Amino acid sequence: MLSGAAAILGSMSAVGIVPLVIGASLLYLAVKRGRVATLIFGHSCVVVGAYLITWGTLLLPYSRPTLANIFSRPLFWGIFSLMGGVCAIFHGFCRCVTKQAEQFEGISVEIKR
């Protein structure tokens, strides 16, 4: 795993850093399991997804309608990231996460209805 991260950082490409950052944040979320961390991750995924969708629409004239080409283009991963970010934001306000925050962190979270 470290050799893969070293290869990404050694290439000095900004595109290779994005999966590394997303992977590191997923590892942080697995360990921390906090409400705020989930919300920050969700908003970051929405921003990255919007960027990838914009980039993917610019590449549409050069795309071929093959399955491998669809899955390798940024438009697909942008939509995937955007929907995952929306899911993470909704999960951050979910009752299961707010109860977990009360139980483990001792924080009283009230949701006004």
N, C-alpha and C. Protein backbone atom coordinates (compact mmCIF):
# COMPACT_ATOMS: atom_id res chain seq x y z
N MET A 1 0.82 -1.19 0.00
CA MET A 1 0.00 0.00 0.00
C MET A 1 0.87 1.25 0.00
N LEU A 2 1.95 1.25 0.76
CA LEU A 2 2.81 2.41 0.80
C LEU A 2 3.52 2.64 -0.51
N SER A 3 3.82 1.57 -1.24
CA SER A 3 4.47 1.75 -2.53
C SER A 3 3.52 2.40 -3.52
N GLY A 4 2.22 2.09 -3.43
CA GLY A 4 1.23 2.73 -4.29
C GLY A 4 1.10 4.21 -3.98
N ALA A 5 1.10 4.55 -2.70
CA ALA A 5 1.02 5.96 -2.30
C ALA A 5 2.28 6.70 -2.73
N ALA A 6 3.44 6.04 -2.61
CA ALA A 6 4.69 6.68 -3.04
C ALA A 6 4.70 6.89 -4.55
N ALA A 7 4.12 5.96 -5.30
CA ALA A 7 4.06 6.12 -6.76
C ALA A 7 3.14 7.27 -7.14
N ILE A 8 2.03 7.42 -6.42
CA ILE A 8 1.11 8.53 -6.71
C ILE A 8 1.76 9.86 -6.40
N LEU A 9 2.40 9.95 -5.24
CA LEU A 9 3.05 11.20 -4.87
C LEU A 9 4.29 11.47 -5.71
N GLY A 10 4.97 10.43 -6.15
CA GLY A 10 6.17 10.60 -6.98
C GLY A 10 5.87 11.07 -8.38
N SER A 11 4.65 10.82 -8.85
CA SER A 11 4.29 11.25 -10.21
C SER A 11 4.01 12.74 -10.28
N MET A 12 3.83 13.38 -9.13
CA MET A 12 3.56 14.83 -9.04
C MET A 12 2.33 15.22 -9.85
N SER A 13 1.35 14.35 -9.90
CA SER A 13 0.11 14.63 -10.62
C SER A 13 -0.99 14.92 -9.61
N ALA A 14 -1.74 15.97 -9.85
CA ALA A 14 -2.83 16.33 -8.95
C ALA A 14 -3.97 15.33 -9.02
N VAL A 15 -4.12 14.67 -10.15
CA VAL A 15 -5.20 13.70 -10.32
C VAL A 15 -4.98 12.49 -9.43
N GLY A 16 -3.75 12.07 -9.23
CA GLY A 16 -3.46 10.91 -8.41
C GLY A 16 -3.61 11.17 -6.92
N ILE A 17 -3.60 12.41 -6.51
CA ILE A 17 -3.72 12.74 -5.10
C ILE A 17 -5.16 12.62 -4.62
N VAL A 18 -6.13 12.85 -5.49
CA VAL A 18 -7.54 12.82 -5.11
C VAL A 18 -7.95 11.45 -4.54
N PRO A 19 -7.66 10.31 -5.21
CA PRO A 19 -8.02 9.03 -4.59
C PRO A 19 -7.28 8.77 -3.28
N LEU A 20 -6.06 9.28 -3.17
CA LEU A 20 -5.30 9.11 -1.93
C LEU A 20 -5.96 9.87 -0.79
N VAL A 21 -6.42 11.07 -1.04
CA VAL A 21 -7.09 11.88 -0.02
C VAL A 21 -8.43 11.26 0.37
N ILE A 22 -9.19 10.79 -0.62
CA ILE A 22 -10.48 10.16 -0.32
C ILE A 22 -10.27 8.88 0.48
N GLY A 23 -9.29 8.08 0.12
CA GLY A 23 -9.00 6.86 0.87
C GLY A 23 -8.56 7.15 2.29
N ALA A 24 -7.74 8.16 2.47
CA ALA A 24 -7.30 8.53 3.83
C ALA A 24 -8.46 9.03 4.66
N SER A 25 -9.36 9.79 4.05
CA SER A 25 -10.51 10.28 4.81
C SER A 25 -11.48 9.14 5.15
N LEU A 26 -11.60 8.14 4.29
CA LEU A 26 -12.43 6.99 4.63
C LEU A 26 -11.83 6.19 5.79
N LEU A 27 -10.51 6.07 5.80
CA LEU A 27 -9.85 5.41 6.94
C LEU A 27 -10.06 6.20 8.23
N TYR A 28 -9.99 7.51 8.13
CA TYR A 28 -10.23 8.36 9.31
C TYR A 28 -11.67 8.20 9.81
N LEU A 29 -12.62 8.15 8.88
CA LEU A 29 -14.01 7.97 9.28
C LEU A 29 -14.25 6.61 9.92
N ALA A 30 -13.54 5.59 9.47
CA ALA A 30 -13.70 4.26 10.05
C ALA A 30 -13.20 4.23 11.49
N VAL A 31 -12.17 5.01 11.79
CA VAL A 31 -11.62 5.03 13.13
C VAL A 31 -12.37 6.01 14.03
N LYS A 32 -12.65 7.20 13.54
CA LYS A 32 -13.22 8.27 14.35
C LYS A 32 -14.73 8.10 14.55
N ARG A 33 -15.47 7.80 13.51
CA ARG A 33 -16.92 7.61 13.54
C ARG A 33 -17.66 8.79 14.16
N GLY A 34 -17.31 9.98 13.76
CA GLY A 34 -17.96 11.16 14.29
C GLY A 34 -18.96 11.75 13.32
N ARG A 35 -19.91 12.46 13.88
CA ARG A 35 -20.95 13.10 13.07
C ARG A 35 -20.36 14.22 12.22
N VAL A 36 -19.52 15.04 12.83
CA VAL A 36 -18.93 16.17 12.11
C VAL A 36 -18.02 15.69 10.99
N ALA A 37 -17.25 14.64 11.27
CA ALA A 37 -16.36 14.10 10.24
C ALA A 37 -17.15 13.55 9.05
N THR A 38 -18.30 12.92 9.33
CA THR A 38 -19.15 12.41 8.25
C THR A 38 -19.71 13.56 7.42
N LEU A 39 -20.11 14.64 8.08
CA LEU A 39 -20.65 15.79 7.35
C LEU A 39 -19.58 16.47 6.50
N ILE A 40 -18.38 16.61 7.04
CA ILE A 40 -17.29 17.22 6.27
C ILE A 40 -16.93 16.35 5.07
N PHE A 41 -16.89 15.03 5.28
CA PHE A 41 -16.61 14.12 4.18
C PHE A 41 -17.69 14.21 3.11
N GLY A 42 -18.95 14.27 3.51
CA GLY A 42 -20.05 14.38 2.55
C GLY A 42 -19.97 15.64 1.72
N HIS A 43 -19.69 16.76 2.37
CA HIS A 43 -19.58 18.01 1.62
C HIS A 43 -18.36 17.99 0.69
N SER A 44 -17.28 17.38 1.13
CA SER A 44 -16.10 17.27 0.26
C SER A 44 -16.40 16.42 -0.95
N CYS A 45 -17.14 15.32 -0.77
CA CYS A 45 -17.51 14.47 -1.91
C CYS A 45 -18.40 15.20 -2.89
N VAL A 46 -19.29 16.06 -2.39
CA VAL A 46 -20.15 16.83 -3.28
C VAL A 46 -19.32 17.80 -4.12
N VAL A 47 -18.35 18.45 -3.50
CA VAL A 47 -17.50 19.39 -4.23
C VAL A 47 -16.65 18.66 -5.27
N VAL A 48 -16.03 17.54 -4.88
CA VAL A 48 -15.22 16.76 -5.83
C VAL A 48 -16.10 16.21 -6.94
N GLY A 49 -17.31 15.76 -6.60
CA GLY A 49 -18.24 15.24 -7.60
C GLY A 49 -18.65 16.30 -8.61
N ALA A 50 -18.90 17.52 -8.14
CA ALA A 50 -19.26 18.59 -9.06
C ALA A 50 -18.11 18.92 -10.01
N TYR A 51 -16.90 18.91 -9.49
CA TYR A 51 -15.72 19.15 -10.34
C TYR A 51 -15.58 18.05 -11.39
N LEU A 52 -15.74 16.79 -10.96
CA LEU A 52 -15.59 15.67 -11.90
C LEU A 52 -16.71 15.66 -12.94
N ILE A 53 -17.91 16.04 -12.56
CA ILE A 53 -19.01 16.10 -13.53
C ILE A 53 -18.72 17.17 -14.58
N THR A 54 -18.22 18.32 -14.13
CA THR A 54 -17.87 19.38 -15.09
C THR A 54 -16.77 18.92 -16.04
N TRP A 55 -15.77 18.28 -15.50
CA TRP A 55 -14.67 17.77 -16.33
C TRP A 55 -15.19 16.69 -17.28
N GLY A 56 -16.07 15.83 -16.79
CA GLY A 56 -16.62 14.76 -17.62
C GLY A 56 -17.48 15.26 -18.76
N THR A 57 -18.22 16.35 -18.54
CA THR A 57 -19.03 16.89 -19.64
C THR A 57 -18.14 17.51 -20.71
N LEU A 58 -16.99 18.03 -20.31
CA LEU A 58 -16.06 18.55 -21.32
C LEU A 58 -15.44 17.44 -22.15
N LEU A 59 -15.34 16.24 -21.59
CA LEU A 59 -14.76 15.11 -22.31
C LEU A 59 -15.78 14.28 -23.08
N LEU A 60 -17.05 14.63 -23.00
CA LEU A 60 -18.09 13.84 -23.68
C LEU A 60 -17.91 13.72 -25.19
N PRO A 61 -17.48 14.76 -25.90
CA PRO A 61 -17.31 14.58 -27.35
C PRO A 61 -16.23 13.56 -27.73
N TYR A 62 -15.33 13.26 -26.80
CA TYR A 62 -14.25 12.32 -27.09
C TYR A 62 -14.52 10.92 -26.56
N SER A 63 -15.70 10.69 -26.02
CA SER A 63 -16.02 9.39 -25.41
C SER A 63 -16.58 8.41 -26.43
N ARG A 64 -16.37 7.13 -26.13
CA ARG A 64 -16.94 6.05 -26.93
C ARG A 64 -17.97 5.33 -26.08
N PRO A 65 -19.01 4.78 -26.69
CA PRO A 65 -20.06 4.13 -25.89
C PRO A 65 -19.72 2.69 -25.51
N THR A 66 -18.57 2.48 -24.94
CA THR A 66 -18.21 1.14 -24.45
C THR A 66 -18.26 1.16 -22.93
N LEU A 67 -18.48 0.01 -22.34
CA LEU A 67 -18.61 -0.07 -20.89
C LEU A 67 -17.32 0.34 -20.18
N ALA A 68 -16.19 -0.08 -20.70
CA ALA A 68 -14.91 0.29 -20.09
C ALA A 68 -14.65 1.79 -20.18
N ASN A 69 -15.06 2.40 -21.27
CA ASN A 69 -14.85 3.84 -21.43
C ASN A 69 -15.79 4.63 -20.52
N ILE A 70 -16.99 4.13 -20.31
CA ILE A 70 -17.93 4.83 -19.42
C ILE A 70 -17.41 4.81 -17.98
N PHE A 71 -16.93 3.65 -17.52
CA PHE A 71 -16.46 3.54 -16.14
C PHE A 71 -15.11 4.21 -15.92
N SER A 72 -14.39 4.51 -16.96
CA SER A 72 -13.09 5.14 -16.79
C SER A 72 -13.14 6.66 -16.95
N ARG A 73 -14.28 7.21 -17.26
CA ARG A 73 -14.40 8.66 -17.46
C ARG A 73 -14.83 9.37 -16.17
N PRO A 74 -14.44 10.62 -16.01
CA PRO A 74 -14.76 11.34 -14.77
C PRO A 74 -16.24 11.65 -14.59
N LEU A 75 -17.04 11.61 -15.67
CA LEU A 75 -18.46 11.89 -15.51
C LEU A 75 -19.14 10.83 -14.65
N PHE A 76 -18.83 9.56 -14.87
CA PHE A 76 -19.40 8.49 -14.07
C PHE A 76 -18.97 8.62 -12.61
N TRP A 77 -17.68 8.83 -12.37
CA TRP A 77 -17.19 8.92 -11.00
C TRP A 77 -17.65 10.21 -10.33
N GLY A 78 -17.90 11.25 -11.11
CA GLY A 78 -18.46 12.48 -10.54
C GLY A 78 -19.87 12.28 -10.03
N ILE A 79 -20.69 11.58 -10.82
CA ILE A 79 -22.06 11.29 -10.38
C ILE A 79 -22.03 10.37 -9.17
N PHE A 80 -21.14 9.38 -9.19
CA PHE A 80 -20.98 8.45 -8.07
C PHE A 80 -20.57 9.20 -6.80
N SER A 81 -19.60 10.11 -6.93
CA SER A 81 -19.12 10.88 -5.79
C SER A 81 -20.18 11.85 -5.28
N LEU A 82 -20.91 12.48 -6.18
CA LEU A 82 -21.95 13.42 -5.78
C LEU A 82 -23.05 12.71 -4.99
N MET A 83 -23.51 11.58 -5.50
CA MET A 83 -24.55 10.83 -4.79
C MET A 83 -24.04 10.26 -3.46
N GLY A 84 -22.79 9.83 -3.42
CA GLY A 84 -22.21 9.36 -2.16
C GLY A 84 -22.08 10.48 -1.15
N GLY A 85 -21.76 11.67 -1.62
CA GLY A 85 -21.68 12.82 -0.72
C GLY A 85 -23.03 13.20 -0.15
N VAL A 86 -24.06 13.16 -0.99
CA VAL A 86 -25.41 13.44 -0.50
C VAL A 86 -25.83 12.40 0.52
N CYS A 87 -25.48 11.15 0.26
CA CYS A 87 -25.79 10.07 1.20
C CYS A 87 -25.06 10.28 2.53
N ALA A 88 -23.80 10.68 2.49
CA ALA A 88 -23.04 10.92 3.71
C ALA A 88 -23.61 12.10 4.50
N ILE A 89 -24.07 13.13 3.80
CA ILE A 89 -24.67 14.28 4.49
C ILE A 89 -25.96 13.85 5.18
N PHE A 90 -26.82 13.12 4.48
CA PHE A 90 -28.05 12.64 5.10
C PHE A 90 -27.74 11.71 6.27
N HIS A 91 -26.72 10.87 6.13
CA HIS A 91 -26.34 9.95 7.20
C HIS A 91 -25.82 10.72 8.41
N GLY A 92 -25.20 11.87 8.19
CA GLY A 92 -24.72 12.68 9.29
C GLY A 92 -25.84 13.22 10.15
N PHE A 93 -27.03 13.39 9.58
CA PHE A 93 -28.18 13.86 10.33
C PHE A 93 -29.13 12.72 10.71
N CYS A 94 -28.73 11.48 10.44
CA CYS A 94 -29.56 10.32 10.73
C CYS A 94 -29.65 10.09 12.24
N ARG A 95 -30.72 9.52 12.67
CA ARG A 95 -30.93 9.27 14.09
C ARG A 95 -29.89 8.31 14.66
N CYS A 96 -29.44 7.35 13.85
CA CYS A 96 -28.45 6.39 14.36
C CYS A 96 -27.13 7.08 14.67
N VAL A 97 -26.75 8.08 13.88
CA VAL A 97 -25.49 8.78 14.11
C VAL A 97 -25.62 9.75 15.28
N THR A 98 -26.76 10.42 15.41
CA THR A 98 -26.92 11.35 16.53
C THR A 98 -26.99 10.61 17.85
N LYS A 99 -27.59 9.43 17.88
CA LYS A 99 -27.59 8.63 19.11
C LYS A 99 -26.19 8.12 19.42
N GLN A 100 -25.43 7.78 18.39
CA GLN A 100 -24.06 7.33 18.60
C GLN A 100 -23.22 8.48 19.16
N ALA A 101 -23.46 9.69 18.69
CA ALA A 101 -22.72 10.85 19.21
C ALA A 101 -23.06 11.08 20.67
N GLU A 102 -24.33 10.93 21.04
CA GLU A 102 -24.71 11.09 22.44
C GLU A 102 -24.08 10.02 23.31
N GLN A 103 -24.04 8.79 22.81
CA GLN A 103 -23.55 7.67 23.60
C GLN A 103 -22.03 7.73 23.80
N PHE A 104 -21.28 7.96 22.73
CA PHE A 104 -19.83 7.86 22.81
C PHE A 104 -19.15 9.18 23.17
N GLU A 105 -19.72 10.28 22.75
CA GLU A 105 -19.07 11.56 23.00
C GLU A 105 -19.71 12.35 24.13
N GLY A 106 -20.87 11.90 24.59
CA GLY A 106 -21.55 12.60 25.66
C GLY A 106 -22.16 13.92 25.22
N ILE A 107 -22.43 14.04 23.94
CA ILE A 107 -22.98 15.28 23.39
C ILE A 107 -24.48 15.12 23.24
N SER A 108 -25.21 16.11 23.70
CA SER A 108 -26.65 16.09 23.53
C SER A 108 -26.99 16.80 22.23
N VAL A 109 -27.54 16.06 21.28
CA VAL A 109 -27.87 16.61 19.98
C VAL A 109 -29.39 16.68 19.86
N GLU A 110 -29.91 17.89 19.70
CA GLU A 110 -31.35 18.05 19.54
C GLU A 110 -31.64 18.44 18.11
N ILE A 111 -32.64 17.78 17.54
CA ILE A 111 -33.08 18.11 16.20
C ILE A 111 -34.47 18.72 16.32
N LYS A 112 -34.59 19.97 15.90
CA LYS A 112 -35.89 20.66 15.99
C LYS A 112 -36.75 20.23 14.81
N ARG A 113 -37.98 19.95 15.08
CA ARG A 113 -38.90 19.53 14.03
C ARG A 113 -40.02 20.51 13.89
